[in-house]
Amino acid sequence: MAVRIFSDVFAQALGNLVLAVAAWDGVFVFGSVAREWARIADHSRFRSIFEDKGAMQQHLTRVPIAIVTAEDVTLAGLAAIPVA
């Protein structure tokens, strides 16, 4: 029950954020909580709630969502920054 409630709220919030910042090219979700959530979540329900935004639904159906499963992704990003 808790996972379902979390997923529903997460989907609604993520959909709102995509609309707020026009993130049409996609969303990357990462971290240990995201990895574990992705293992047990109802992905089709999540996607349905994410896209349920009335007139904007057609736009949200084209927005990809990716779960980054790599460990230490923050350190990999920092390592790619050139040092002057």
C-alpha atoms as a PDB file:
ATOM      1  CA  MET A   1       0.000   0.000   0.000  1.00  0.00           C
ATOM      2  CA  ALA A   2       2.787   2.446   0.890  1.00  0.00           C
ATOM      3  CA  VAL A   3       4.605   1.779  -2.389  1.00  0.00           C
ATOM      4  CA  ARG A   4       1.410   2.410  -4.350  1.00  0.00           C
ATOM      5  CA  ILE A   5       0.752   5.714  -2.577  1.00  0.00           C
ATOM      6  CA  PHE A   6       4.375   6.786  -3.035  1.00  0.00           C
ATOM      7  CA  SER A   7       4.240   5.840  -6.729  1.00  0.00           C
ATOM      8  CA  ASP A   8       0.998   7.741  -7.308  1.00  0.00           C
ATOM      9  CA  VAL A   9       2.292  10.921  -5.660  1.00  0.00           C
ATOM     10  CA  PHE A  10       5.663  10.564  -7.399  1.00  0.00           C
ATOM     11  CA  ALA A  11       3.973  10.173 -10.804  1.00  0.00           C
ATOM     12  CA  GLN A  12       1.781  13.230 -10.276  1.00  0.00           C
ATOM     13  CA  ALA A  13       4.703  15.349  -9.078  1.00  0.00           C
ATOM     14  CA  LEU A  14       6.995  14.206 -11.895  1.00  0.00           C
ATOM     15  CA  GLY A  15       4.322  14.978 -14.493  1.00  0.00           C
ATOM     16  CA  ASN A  16       3.859  18.449 -13.006  1.00  0.00           C
ATOM     17  CA  LEU A  17       7.611  19.073 -13.025  1.00  0.00           C
ATOM     18  CA  VAL A  18       7.918  18.031 -16.663  1.00  0.00           C
ATOM     19  CA  LEU A  19       5.187  20.502 -17.558  1.00  0.00           C
ATOM     20  CA  ALA A  20       6.695  23.246 -15.384  1.00  0.00           C
ATOM     21  CA  VAL A  21      10.152  23.089 -16.958  1.00  0.00           C
ATOM     22  CA  ALA A  22       9.175  21.732 -20.395  1.00  0.00           C
ATOM     23  CA  ALA A  23      11.407  18.658 -20.060  1.00  0.00           C
ATOM     24  CA  TRP A  24      10.146  17.172 -23.322  1.00  0.00           C
ATOM     25  CA  ASP A  25      13.398  15.303 -24.012  1.00  0.00           C
ATOM     26  CA  GLY A  26      13.033  13.061 -20.985  1.00  0.00           C
ATOM     27  CA  VAL A  27      13.462  12.518 -17.293  1.00  0.00           C
ATOM     28  CA  PHE A  28      16.258  10.664 -15.534  1.00  0.00           C
ATOM     29  CA  VAL A  29      15.515   9.342 -12.056  1.00  0.00           C
ATOM     30  CA  PHE A  30      18.477   8.096 -10.048  1.00  0.00           C
ATOM     31  CA  GLY A  31      19.608   7.144  -6.587  1.00  0.00           C
ATOM     32  CA  SER A  32      19.267   4.156  -4.312  1.00  0.00           C
ATOM     33  CA  VAL A  33      15.598   4.860  -3.542  1.00  0.00           C
ATOM     34  CA  ALA A  34      14.790   5.078  -7.257  1.00  0.00           C
ATOM     35  CA  ARG A  35      16.554   1.789  -7.978  1.00  0.00           C
ATOM     36  CA  GLU A  36      14.676  -0.083  -5.265  1.00  0.00           C
ATOM     37  CA  TRP A  37      11.378   1.589  -6.123  1.00  0.00           C
ATOM     38  CA  ALA A  38      11.763   0.550  -9.769  1.00  0.00           C
ATOM     39  CA  ARG A  39      12.064  -3.108  -8.756  1.00  0.00           C
ATOM     40  CA  ILE A  40       8.656  -3.203  -7.052  1.00  0.00           C
ATOM     41  CA  ALA A  41       6.602  -0.406  -8.633  1.00  0.00           C
ATOM     42  CA  ASP A  42       3.635  -0.846 -10.936  1.00  0.00           C
ATOM     43  CA  HIS A  43       5.171   0.870 -13.946  1.00  0.00           C
ATOM     44  CA  SER A  44       2.035   0.917 -16.092  1.00  0.00           C
ATOM     45  CA  ARG A  45       0.022   2.569 -13.293  1.00  0.00           C
ATOM     46  CA  PHE A  46       2.864   5.050 -12.737  1.00  0.00           C
ATOM     47  CA  ARG A  47       2.964   5.945 -16.431  1.00  0.00           C
ATOM     48  CA  SER A  48      -0.811   6.327 -16.579  1.00  0.00           C
ATOM     49  CA  ILE A  49      -0.851   8.750 -13.640  1.00  0.00           C
ATOM     50  CA  PHE A  50       2.196  10.600 -14.997  1.00  0.00           C
ATOM     51  CA  GLU A  51       0.409  11.209 -18.311  1.00  0.00           C
ATOM     52  CA  ASP A  52      -3.000  12.095 -16.796  1.00  0.00           C
ATOM     53  CA  LYS A  53      -2.769  15.864 -17.339  1.00  0.00           C
ATOM     54  CA  GLY A  54      -5.838  16.639 -19.442  1.00  0.00           C
ATOM     55  CA  ALA A  55      -5.015  18.599 -22.588  1.00  0.00           C
ATOM     56  CA  MET A  56      -1.265  18.062 -22.053  1.00  0.00           C
ATOM     57  CA  GLN A  57      -1.568  14.273 -22.040  1.00  0.00           C
ATOM     58  CA  GLN A  58      -0.509  13.974 -25.686  1.00  0.00           C
ATOM     59  CA  HIS A  59       2.739  15.778 -24.904  1.00  0.00           C
ATOM     60  CA  LEU A  60       3.487  13.656 -21.838  1.00  0.00           C
ATOM     61  CA  THR A  61       3.000  10.380 -23.708  1.00  0.00           C
ATOM     62  CA  ARG A  62       6.141  11.233 -25.708  1.00  0.00           C
ATOM     63  CA  VAL A  63       8.331  12.039 -22.680  1.00  0.00           C
ATOM     64  CA  PRO A  64      10.695   9.149 -21.883  1.00  0.00           C
ATOM     65  CA  ILE A  65      11.424   8.260 -18.255  1.00  0.00           C
ATOM     66  CA  ALA A  66      14.645   6.423 -17.415  1.00  0.00           C
ATOM     67  CA  ILE A  67      15.781   4.894 -14.135  1.00  0.00           C
ATOM     68  CA  VAL A  68      19.552   5.210 -13.823  1.00  0.00           C
ATOM     69  CA  THR A  69      20.817   2.084 -12.090  1.00  0.00           C
ATOM     70  CA  ALA A  70      24.530   2.868 -12.139  1.00  0.00           C
ATOM     71  CA  GLU A  71      26.224   3.194  -8.758  1.00  0.00           C
ATOM     72  CA  ASP A  72      28.028   6.439  -7.950  1.00  0.00           C
ATOM     73  CA  VAL A  73      26.551   8.277 -10.932  1.00  0.00           C
ATOM     74  CA  THR A  74      27.286  11.599  -9.220  1.00  0.00           C
ATOM     75  CA  LEU A  75      30.994  10.822  -9.045  1.00  0.00           C
ATOM     76  CA  ALA A  76      31.041   9.825 -12.715  1.00  0.00           C
ATOM     77  CA  GLY A  77      29.478  13.168 -13.621  1.00  0.00           C
ATOM     78  CA  LEU A  78      31.934  15.098 -11.503  1.00  0.00           C
ATOM     79  CA  ALA A  79      34.851  13.222 -13.035  1.00  0.00           C
ATOM     80  CA  ALA A  80      33.734  14.403 -16.493  1.00  0.00           C
ATOM     81  CA  ILE A  81      34.047  18.095 -15.565  1.00  0.00           C
ATOM     82  CA  PRO A  82      37.253  19.553 -16.984  1.00  0.00           C
ATOM     83  CA  VAL A  83      39.579  21.090 -14.415  1.00  0.00           C
ATOM     84  CA  ALA A  84      41.296  24.307 -15.419  1.00  0.00           C
END
